[in-house]
Amino acid sequence: MMNHNSSIIKIMWITAGWIVVSILNFFLGYSSLLEYNCDLEGKSVLLPFMGSIYTGIMAGLTGGSIMVLVWEKWLRSKPYGQALLYILATYSIVFVFVSIQAGLFHHVNILDLPITSPKVWTATFDLLLDPISIAPYFFWLLIVCLTLIFLQVNDKFGPGIFKEFLLGKYFQPKREERIFMFLDLRSSTSIAEKLGEEKYFNFLKQVYSWVTPAILNHAGEIYQYVGDEIVISWKPKYGFLRANCLECFFDIQKSLKAKKGYFIEKYGVNPEFKAGLHYGHVMAGEIGVVKRDIAFSGDVLNTTSRIQEQCNPLGVDLLVSKLLSDKLGSIDQKYHLKEIGAMHLKGKAEEVTLFTV
């Protein structure tokens, strides 16, 4: 399930980026003409410049929408060879469409004729069929490939994480505050036994696809998938904002409730999650040699896991530590957190006071 808001943001970023690329391509071509002393006297630079902006907008909105809404889905669901052939075919169609639009824009203004004029259309198709058009075809194919690679790598690391890798933010370990949620699938062992390995794996894939939009909508960062468990992290300014870290859990429940009929019909089970939430300091930094990642370490993660383990004994879906509850209570009054009491958690010397909603 595609996150609607994140899809629009991706398309807007692609459009903005391709407008910049189109403008730079225009100036590169224009500077080449000046370098070779081409006669440009009496020829307006404004029209081709505006044409480059128009091309970038059309390419970004059309190609970006197809890339985000169709091509990324193909890359996830089809064999790579087949997906790449489909992408190349649709790219060619989009290239022709955008080229015709840009050509019409150019010739309507150059010839000072209406768009319905046969001369405008003839000039547009003559330009499109000119062998020189092969250069922009391969130029934009390169831009499309680079954009797709960037999107795939960004999705691999998670939204925002790839940028931090590029900037080297975590090259040296740093201490920072984080909110963590350990989200665990209820009755996962019995569900796995009932469905079998392959069907259970597909079940998890579909469950994760439905809960991911809720995580992204509430500014959560997916830190790890650990079997049937998802570890989600927030920077405090995002997690406390409008109680995102709590809203995220209830939106996940809402998303799965909306698909209850589907899961029961296809798998015979209704997925439900329980979660533990905690807040504190961790060390964050890049780790690994062959496979690099950003890792968090600290007692906060262990404590959050232990908090989540208390959901079953206490018969609740969500547990929040007192430290996090105090922070949320001073920021957001939407939720009334009910105190359960101080608990001895496995591996912890001191008791931890827990709350639920």
Foldseek 3Di string as FASTA:
>chain_A
DDQPVVLVVQLVVQLVVLLVVLLVVLVVVVVVCVVVVHDCPPPDPVLVNVLSNLLSNLCSNVVSNCCSVPLVVCCVPDPPVVSVVVVLVVLVVSVVVSLLVSQLSNQCVVVVHDSPDPVSNVSSVVVCPPPVVVVVSVVVVVVVVVSSVVVVVCVVQWPPFVVCVVVVVFADKDKAKKKKKKKAKPPLVVLCVQQDDPRSVVVLVVLCVQLVSLCVVQVWTFQDDDPRITMIMDHVVSCLVQVSVVSSQVVSVVSQVVCQVVCCVPRVDRIDIAMFMEMDMWIWHWDDDPDIHIDTDDVRVVVRVQQRVCCVVVVHRYKYWPVVVVVNVVRPDPDDWAWPAWDDTPPDPGTITITDD
